[in-house]
Amino acid sequence: MLKSIAKLVLAASVAATAVSMASPSFAAKKAKKAASCVPLSWCAAKCSGNVCATGMWCGADGKWHQGVTGCVEPFCTPKC
């Protein structure tokens, strides 16, 4: 009986190790999802043809924020 419990515990620990190595960590998923940017940079977003509805700006926190104005080519910043 003790040997079967030991085998069960060993199998569970091997399975848990395999699952933890196969799946990415929570921090890696979060870092992948959040696209970082260079602070004080701009880009054009929601573009259709030569008109872009909004501009995006990069804040000091390294995240994109929506601006209030759009643009028309060739006066747009690079597209996001």
PDB file of N, CA and C in Angstrom:
ATOM      1  N   MET A   1       0.819  -1.192   0.000  1.00  0.00           N
ATOM      2  CA  MET A   1       0.000   0.000   0.000  1.00  0.00           C
ATOM      3  C   MET A   1       0.861   1.253   0.000  1.00  0.00           C
ATOM      4  N   LEU A   2       1.936   1.248   0.764  1.00  0.00           N
ATOM      5  CA  LEU A   2       2.810   2.401   0.833  1.00  0.00           C
ATOM      6  C   LEU A   2       3.505   2.652  -0.506  1.00  0.00           C
ATOM      7  N   LYS A   3       3.862   1.543  -1.215  1.00  0.00           N
ATOM      8  CA  LYS A   3       4.501   1.697  -2.529  1.00  0.00           C
ATOM      9  C   LYS A   3       3.539   2.314  -3.538  1.00  0.00           C
ATOM     10  N   SER A   4       2.274   1.943  -3.498  1.00  0.00           N
ATOM     11  CA  SER A   4       1.310   2.500  -4.450  1.00  0.00           C
ATOM     12  C   SER A   4       1.068   3.983  -4.173  1.00  0.00           C
ATOM     13  N   ILE A   5       1.063   4.398  -2.913  1.00  0.00           N
ATOM     14  CA  ILE A   5       0.922   5.821  -2.566  1.00  0.00           C
ATOM     15  C   ILE A   5       2.147   6.591  -3.042  1.00  0.00           C
ATOM     16  N   ALA A   6       3.314   6.017  -2.856  1.00  0.00           N
ATOM     17  CA  ALA A   6       4.547   6.671  -3.309  1.00  0.00           C
ATOM     18  C   ALA A   6       4.556   6.828  -4.826  1.00  0.00           C
ATOM     19  N   LYS A   7       4.083   5.813  -5.544  1.00  0.00           N
ATOM     20  CA  LYS A   7       4.022   5.901  -7.007  1.00  0.00           C
ATOM     21  C   LYS A   7       3.015   6.967  -7.441  1.00  0.00           C
ATOM     22  N   LEU A   8       1.910   7.064  -6.748  1.00  0.00           N
ATOM     23  CA  LEU A   8       0.898   8.059  -7.065  1.00  0.00           C
ATOM     24  C   LEU A   8       1.425   9.481  -6.841  1.00  0.00           C
ATOM     25  N   VAL A   9       2.125   9.678  -5.743  1.00  0.00           N
ATOM     26  CA  VAL A   9       2.718  10.992  -5.448  1.00  0.00           C
ATOM     27  C   VAL A   9       3.786  11.338  -6.482  1.00  0.00           C
ATOM     28  N   LEU A  10       4.592  10.356  -6.875  1.00  0.00           N
ATOM     29  CA  LEU A  10       5.621  10.583  -7.885  1.00  0.00           C
ATOM     30  C   LEU A  10       4.988  10.951  -9.226  1.00  0.00           C
ATOM     31  N   ALA A  11       3.956  10.233  -9.619  1.00  0.00           N
ATOM     32  CA  ALA A  11       3.278  10.523 -10.885  1.00  0.00           C
ATOM     33  C   ALA A  11       2.649  11.912 -10.859  1.00  0.00           C
ATOM     34  N   ALA A  12       2.058  12.303  -9.752  1.00  0.00           N
ATOM     35  CA  ALA A  12       1.446  13.627  -9.630  1.00  0.00           C
ATOM     36  C   ALA A  12       2.493  14.733  -9.711  1.00  0.00           C
ATOM     37  N   SER A  13       3.632  14.517  -9.076  1.00  0.00           N
ATOM     38  CA  SER A  13       4.678  15.549  -9.116  1.00  0.00           C
ATOM     39  C   SER A  13       5.285  15.669 -10.509  1.00  0.00           C
ATOM     40  N   VAL A  14       5.449  14.560 -11.215  1.00  0.00           N
ATOM     41  CA  VAL A  14       5.958  14.610 -12.591  1.00  0.00           C
ATOM     42  C   VAL A  14       4.961  15.330 -13.486  1.00  0.00           C
ATOM     43  N   ALA A  15       3.681  15.051 -13.336  1.00  0.00           N
ATOM     44  CA  ALA A  15       2.648  15.710 -14.139  1.00  0.00           C
ATOM     45  C   ALA A  15       2.599  17.208 -13.848  1.00  0.00           C
ATOM     46  N   ALA A  16       2.698  17.582 -12.582  1.00  0.00           N
ATOM     47  CA  ALA A  16       2.668  19.001 -12.222  1.00  0.00           C
ATOM     48  C   ALA A  16       3.886  19.733 -12.785  1.00  0.00           C
ATOM     49  N   THR A  17       5.036  19.093 -12.756  1.00  0.00           N
ATOM     50  CA  THR A  17       6.246  19.696 -13.316  1.00  0.00           C
ATOM     51  C   THR A  17       6.111  19.871 -14.822  1.00  0.00           C
ATOM     52  N   ALA A  18       5.563  18.885 -15.504  1.00  0.00           N
ATOM     53  CA  ALA A  18       5.392  18.971 -16.958  1.00  0.00           C
ATOM     54  C   ALA A  18       4.424  20.094 -17.331  1.00  0.00           C
ATOM     55  N   VAL A  19       3.344  20.227 -16.595  1.00  0.00           N
ATOM     56  CA  VAL A  19       2.372  21.283 -16.881  1.00  0.00           C
ATOM     57  C   VAL A  19       2.974  22.655 -16.615  1.00  0.00           C
ATOM     58  N   SER A  20       3.722  22.804 -15.551  1.00  0.00           N
ATOM     59  CA  SER A  20       4.299  24.108 -15.231  1.00  0.00           C
ATOM     60  C   SER A  20       5.367  24.522 -16.237  1.00  0.00           C
ATOM     61  N   MET A  21       6.066  23.568 -16.810  1.00  0.00           N
ATOM     62  CA  MET A  21       7.082  23.897 -17.814  1.00  0.00           C
ATOM     63  C   MET A  21       6.457  24.170 -19.176  1.00  0.00           C
ATOM     64  N   ALA A  22       5.319  23.558 -19.454  1.00  0.00           N
ATOM     65  CA  ALA A  22       4.692  23.706 -20.766  1.00  0.00           C
ATOM     66  C   ALA A  22       3.934  25.016 -20.898  1.00  0.00           C
ATOM     67  N   SER A  23       3.324  25.501 -19.848  1.00  0.00           N
ATOM     68  CA  SER A  23       2.529  26.725 -19.954  1.00  0.00           C
ATOM     69  C   SER A  23       3.368  27.938 -19.558  1.00  0.00           C
ATOM     70  N   PRO A  24       3.211  29.047 -20.313  1.00  0.00           N
ATOM     71  CA  PRO A  24       3.965  30.251 -19.960  1.00  0.00           C
ATOM     72  C   PRO A  24       3.456  30.841 -18.646  1.00  0.00           C
ATOM     73  N   SER A  25       4.300  31.565 -17.995  1.00  0.00           N
ATOM     74  CA  SER A  25       3.928  32.139 -16.712  1.00  0.00           C
ATOM     75  C   SER A  25       2.935  33.282 -16.899  1.00  0.00           C
ATOM     76  N   PHE A  26       2.287  33.674 -15.830  1.00  0.00           N
ATOM     77  CA  PHE A  26       1.329  34.778 -15.854  1.00  0.00           C
ATOM     78  C   PHE A  26       2.027  36.076 -16.246  1.00  0.00           C
ATOM     79  N   ALA A  27       3.220  36.300 -15.737  1.00  0.00           N
ATOM     80  CA  ALA A  27       3.955  37.524 -16.056  1.00  0.00           C
ATOM     81  C   ALA A  27       4.324  37.569 -17.531  1.00  0.00           C
ATOM     82  N   ALA A  28       4.669  36.427 -18.108  1.00  0.00           N
ATOM     83  CA  ALA A  28       5.014  36.399 -19.525  1.00  0.00           C
ATOM     84  C   ALA A  28       3.794  36.701 -20.390  1.00  0.00           C
ATOM     85  N   LYS A  29       2.637  36.187 -20.005  1.00  0.00           N
ATOM     86  CA  LYS A  29       1.418  36.478 -20.748  1.00  0.00           C
ATOM     87  C   LYS A  29       1.086  37.958 -20.673  1.00  0.00           C
ATOM     88  N   LYS A  30       1.233  38.545 -19.502  1.00  0.00           N
ATOM     89  CA  LYS A  30       0.908  39.955 -19.314  1.00  0.00           C
ATOM     90  C   LYS A  30       1.887  40.843 -20.082  1.00  0.00           C
ATOM     91  N   ALA A  31       3.161  40.482 -20.072  1.00  0.00           N
ATOM     92  CA  ALA A  31       4.161  41.270 -20.798  1.00  0.00           C
ATOM     93  C   ALA A  31       3.932  41.183 -22.295  1.00  0.00           C
ATOM     94  N   LYS A  32       3.488  40.024 -22.770  1.00  0.00           N
ATOM     95  CA  LYS A  32       3.230  39.859 -24.185  1.00  0.00           C
ATOM     96  C   LYS A  32       2.016  40.673 -24.615  1.00  0.00           C
ATOM     97  N   LYS A  33       1.014  40.741 -23.764  1.00  0.00           N
ATOM     98  CA  LYS A  33      -0.217  41.437 -24.093  1.00  0.00           C
ATOM     99  C   LYS A  33      -0.005  42.955 -24.126  1.00  0.00           C
ATOM    100  N   ALA A  34       0.730  43.501 -23.205  1.00  0.00           N
ATOM    101  CA  ALA A  34       0.931  44.938 -23.123  1.00  0.00           C
ATOM    102  C   ALA A  34       2.061  45.370 -24.047  1.00  0.00           C
ATOM    103  N   ALA A  35       1.713  46.034 -25.121  1.00  0.00           N
ATOM    104  CA  ALA A  35       2.717  46.514 -26.063  1.00  0.00           C
ATOM    105  C   ALA A  35       3.343  47.775 -25.511  1.00  0.00           C
ATOM    106  N   SER A  36       4.628  47.750 -25.300  1.00  0.00           N
ATOM    107  CA  SER A  36       5.300  48.920 -24.765  1.00  0.00           C
ATOM    108  C   SER A  36       5.636  49.887 -25.886  1.00  0.00           C
ATOM    109  N   CYS A  37       5.886  51.108 -25.525  1.00  0.00           N
ATOM    110  CA  CYS A  37       6.203  52.143 -26.505  1.00  0.00           C
ATOM    111  C   CYS A  37       7.240  53.086 -25.916  1.00  0.00           C
ATOM    112  N   VAL A  38       7.756  53.949 -26.761  1.00  0.00           N
ATOM    113  CA  VAL A  38       8.734  54.950 -26.336  1.00  0.00           C
ATOM    114  C   VAL A  38       7.969  56.196 -25.911  1.00  0.00           C
ATOM    115  N   PRO A  39       8.128  56.648 -24.674  1.00  0.00           N
ATOM    116  CA  PRO A  39       7.377  57.818 -24.209  1.00  0.00           C
ATOM    117  C   PRO A  39       7.541  59.023 -25.136  1.00  0.00           C
ATOM    118  N   LEU A  40       6.461  59.771 -25.252  1.00  0.00           N
ATOM    119  CA  LEU A  40       6.348  60.986 -26.072  1.00  0.00           C
ATOM    120  C   LEU A  40       6.379  60.714 -27.572  1.00  0.00           C
ATOM    121  N   SER A  41       6.057  59.490 -27.987  1.00  0.00           N
ATOM    122  CA  SER A  41       5.959  59.199 -29.421  1.00  0.00           C
ATOM    123  C   SER A  41       4.485  59.156 -29.818  1.00  0.00           C
ATOM    124  N   TRP A  42       4.220  59.353 -31.110  1.00  0.00           N
ATOM    125  CA  TRP A  42       2.860  59.406 -31.639  1.00  0.00           C
ATOM    126  C   TRP A  42       2.702  58.416 -32.774  1.00  0.00           C
ATOM    127  N   CYS A  43       1.456  57.964 -33.022  1.00  0.00           N
ATOM    128  CA  CYS A  43       1.150  57.160 -34.192  1.00  0.00           C
ATOM    129  C   CYS A  43      -0.330  57.346 -34.545  1.00  0.00           C
ATOM    130  N   ALA A  44      -0.668  57.069 -35.802  1.00  0.00           N
ATOM    131  CA  ALA A  44      -2.041  57.213 -36.278  1.00  0.00           C
ATOM    132  C   ALA A  44      -2.754  55.863 -36.176  1.00  0.00           C
ATOM    133  N   ALA A  45      -4.030  55.897 -35.738  1.00  0.00           N
ATOM    134  CA  ALA A  45      -4.793  54.664 -35.549  1.00  0.00           C
ATOM    135  C   ALA A  45      -6.166  54.777 -36.206  1.00  0.00           C
ATOM    136  N   LYS A  46      -6.817  53.630 -36.372  1.00  0.00           N
ATOM    137  CA  LYS A  46      -8.145  53.539 -36.973  1.00  0.00           C
ATOM    138  C   LYS A  46      -8.176  54.218 -38.338  1.00  0.00           C
ATOM    139  N   CYS A  47      -7.255  53.788 -39.190  1.00  0.00           N
ATOM    140  CA  CYS A  47      -7.119  54.398 -40.512  1.00  0.00           C
ATOM    141  C   CYS A  47      -7.983  53.677 -41.538  1.00  0.00           C
ATOM    142  N   SER A  48      -8.542  54.447 -42.457  1.00  0.00           N
ATOM    143  CA  SER A  48      -9.319  53.928 -43.570  1.00  0.00           C
ATOM    144  C   SER A  48      -8.948  54.759 -44.790  1.00  0.00           C
ATOM    145  N   GLY A  49      -8.214  54.157 -45.702  1.00  0.00           N
ATOM    146  CA  GLY A  49      -7.738  54.906 -46.863  1.00  0.00           C
ATOM    147  C   GLY A  49      -6.694  55.920 -46.445  1.00  0.00           C
ATOM    148  N   ASN A  50      -6.930  57.189 -46.764  1.00  0.00           N
ATOM    149  CA  ASN A  50      -5.982  58.254 -46.423  1.00  0.00           C
ATOM    150  C   ASN A  50      -6.362  59.008 -45.159  1.00  0.00           C
ATOM    151  N   VAL A  51      -7.419  58.584 -44.462  1.00  0.00           N
ATOM    152  CA  VAL A  51      -7.891  59.285 -43.276  1.00  0.00           C
ATOM    153  C   VAL A  51      -7.738  58.384 -42.057  1.00  0.00           C
ATOM    154  N   CYS A  52      -7.147  58.928 -41.007  1.00  0.00           N
ATOM    155  CA  CYS A  52      -7.006  58.208 -39.740  1.00  0.00           C
ATOM    156  C   CYS A  52      -7.880  58.909 -38.704  1.00  0.00           C
ATOM    157  N   ALA A  53      -8.732  58.149 -38.037  1.00  0.00           N
ATOM    158  CA  ALA A  53      -9.711  58.727 -37.124  1.00  0.00           C
ATOM    159  C   ALA A  53      -9.092  59.259 -35.837  1.00  0.00           C
ATOM    160  N   THR A  54      -8.103  58.585 -35.311  1.00  0.00           N
ATOM    161  CA  THR A  54      -7.508  59.026 -34.049  1.00  0.00           C
ATOM    162  C   THR A  54      -5.991  58.943 -34.110  1.00  0.00           C
ATOM    163  N   GLY A  55      -5.385  59.644 -33.213  1.00  0.00           N
ATOM    164  CA  GLY A  55      -3.947  59.551 -33.014  1.00  0.00           C
ATOM    165  C   GLY A  55      -3.691  58.929 -31.659  1.00  0.00           C
ATOM    166  N   MET A  56      -2.652  58.159 -31.545  1.00  0.00           N
ATOM    167  CA  MET A  56      -2.283  57.542 -30.277  1.00  0.00           C
ATOM    168  C   MET A  56      -0.973  58.167 -29.812  1.00  0.00           C
ATOM    169  N   TRP A  57      -0.835  58.352 -28.504  1.00  0.00           N
ATOM    170  CA  TRP A  57       0.405  58.873 -27.952  1.00  0.00           C
ATOM    171  C   TRP A  57       0.883  57.966 -26.832  1.00  0.00           C
ATOM    172  N   CYS A  58       2.165  57.941 -26.653  1.00  0.00           N
ATOM    173  CA  CYS A  58       2.778  57.075 -25.643  1.00  0.00           C
ATOM    174  C   CYS A  58       3.042  57.889 -24.382  1.00  0.00           C
ATOM    175  N   GLY A  59       2.495  57.426 -23.289  1.00  0.00           N
ATOM    176  CA  GLY A  59       2.681  58.110 -22.014  1.00  0.00           C
ATOM    177  C   GLY A  59       3.962  57.693 -21.314  1.00  0.00           C
ATOM    178  N   ALA A  60       4.225  58.339 -20.212  1.00  0.00           N
ATOM    179  CA  ALA A  60       5.422  58.034 -19.423  1.00  0.00           C
ATOM    180  C   ALA A  60       5.362  56.630 -18.829  1.00  0.00           C
ATOM    181  N   ASP A  61       4.143  56.045 -18.771  1.00  0.00           N
ATOM    182  CA  ASP A  61       3.990  54.697 -18.232  1.00  0.00           C
ATOM    183  C   ASP A  61       4.339  53.618 -19.247  1.00  0.00           C
ATOM    184  N   GLY A  62       4.669  54.003 -20.502  1.00  0.00           N
ATOM    185  CA  GLY A  62       5.031  53.036 -21.526  1.00  0.00           C
ATOM    186  C   GLY A  62       3.845  52.388 -22.201  1.00  0.00           C
ATOM    187  N   LYS A  63       2.658  53.005 -22.076  1.00  0.00           N
ATOM    188  CA  LYS A  63       1.442  52.469 -22.688  1.00  0.00           C
ATOM    189  C   LYS A  63       0.867  53.483 -23.674  1.00  0.00           C
ATOM    190  N   TRP A  64       0.173  52.952 -24.699  1.00  0.00           N
ATOM    191  CA  TRP A  64      -0.468  53.812 -25.685  1.00  0.00           C
ATOM    192  C   TRP A  64      -1.762  54.380 -25.117  1.00  0.00           C
ATOM    193  N   HIS A  65      -2.011  55.671 -25.397  1.00  0.00           N
ATOM    194  CA  HIS A  65      -3.234  56.358 -24.982  1.00  0.00           C
ATOM    195  C   HIS A  65      -3.855  57.003 -26.212  1.00  0.00           C
ATOM    196  N   GLN A  66      -5.190  57.065 -26.236  1.00  0.00           N
ATOM    197  CA  GLN A  66      -5.880  57.619 -27.387  1.00  0.00           C
ATOM    198  C   GLN A  66      -5.860  59.136 -27.340  1.00  0.00           C
ATOM    199  N   GLY A  67      -5.529  59.730 -28.490  1.00  0.00           N
ATOM    200  CA  GLY A  67      -5.557  61.176 -28.628  1.00  0.00           C
ATOM    201  C   GLY A  67      -6.942  61.639 -29.033  1.00  0.00           C
ATOM    202  N   VAL A  68      -7.094  62.939 -29.280  1.00  0.00           N
ATOM    203  CA  VAL A  68      -8.410  63.490 -29.589  1.00  0.00           C
ATOM    204  C   VAL A  68      -8.585  63.841 -31.060  1.00  0.00           C
ATOM    205  N   THR A  69      -7.529  63.920 -31.815  1.00  0.00           N
ATOM    206  CA  THR A  69      -7.661  64.337 -33.210  1.00  0.00           C
ATOM    207  C   THR A  69      -7.194  63.255 -34.161  1.00  0.00           C
ATOM    208  N   GLY A  70      -7.709  63.304 -35.368  1.00  0.00           N
ATOM    209  CA  GLY A  70      -7.283  62.408 -36.431  1.00  0.00           C
ATOM    210  C   GLY A  70      -6.368  63.143 -37.379  1.00  0.00           C
ATOM    211  N   CYS A  71      -6.146  62.562 -38.560  1.00  0.00           N
ATOM    212  CA  CYS A  71      -5.277  63.200 -39.538  1.00  0.00           C
ATOM    213  C   CYS A  71      -5.622  62.700 -40.926  1.00  0.00           C
ATOM    214  N   VAL A  72      -5.091  63.390 -41.929  1.00  0.00           N
ATOM    215  CA  VAL A  72      -5.253  63.025 -43.328  1.00  0.00           C
ATOM    216  C   VAL A  72      -3.867  62.890 -43.915  1.00  0.00           C
ATOM    217  N   GLU A  73      -3.657  61.822 -44.715  1.00  0.00           N
ATOM    218  CA  GLU A  73      -2.364  61.658 -45.377  1.00  0.00           C
ATOM    219  C   GLU A  73      -2.124  62.839 -46.278  1.00  0.00           C
ATOM    220  N   PRO A  74      -0.966  63.334 -46.428  1.00  0.00           N
ATOM    221  CA  PRO A  74       0.358  62.908 -45.958  1.00  0.00           C
ATOM    222  C   PRO A  74       0.767  63.549 -44.642  1.00  0.00           C
ATOM    223  N   PHE A  75      -0.196  64.096 -43.895  1.00  0.00           N
ATOM    224  CA  PHE A  75       0.137  64.799 -42.663  1.00  0.00           C
ATOM    225  C   PHE A  75       0.047  63.940 -41.423  1.00  0.00           C
ATOM    226  N   CYS A  76      -0.134  62.633 -41.591  1.00  0.00           N
ATOM    227  CA  CYS A  76      -0.237  61.718 -40.446  1.00  0.00           C
ATOM    228  C   CYS A  76       1.128  61.290 -39.930  1.00  0.00           C
ATOM    229  N   THR A  77       1.144  60.930 -38.672  1.00  0.00           N
ATOM    230  CA  THR A  77       2.324  60.298 -38.103  1.00  0.00           C
ATOM    231  C   THR A  77       2.341  58.850 -38.591  1.00  0.00           C
ATOM    232  N   PRO A  78       3.397  58.099 -38.373  1.00  0.00           N
ATOM    233  CA  PRO A  78       3.411  56.693 -38.802  1.00  0.00           C
ATOM    234  C   PRO A  78       2.223  55.925 -38.209  1.00  0.00           C
ATOM    235  N   LYS A  79       1.723  54.951 -38.940  1.00  0.00           N
ATOM    236  CA  LYS A  79       0.578  54.176 -38.476  1.00  0.00           C
ATOM    237  C   LYS A  79       1.006  53.189 -37.392  1.00  0.00           C
ATOM    238  N   CYS A  80       0.100  52.953 -36.461  1.00  0.00           N
ATOM    239  CA  CYS A  80       0.370  52.037 -35.346  1.00  0.00           C
ATOM    240  C   CYS A  80       0.448  50.592 -35.835  1.00  0.00           C
TER     241      CYS A  80
END
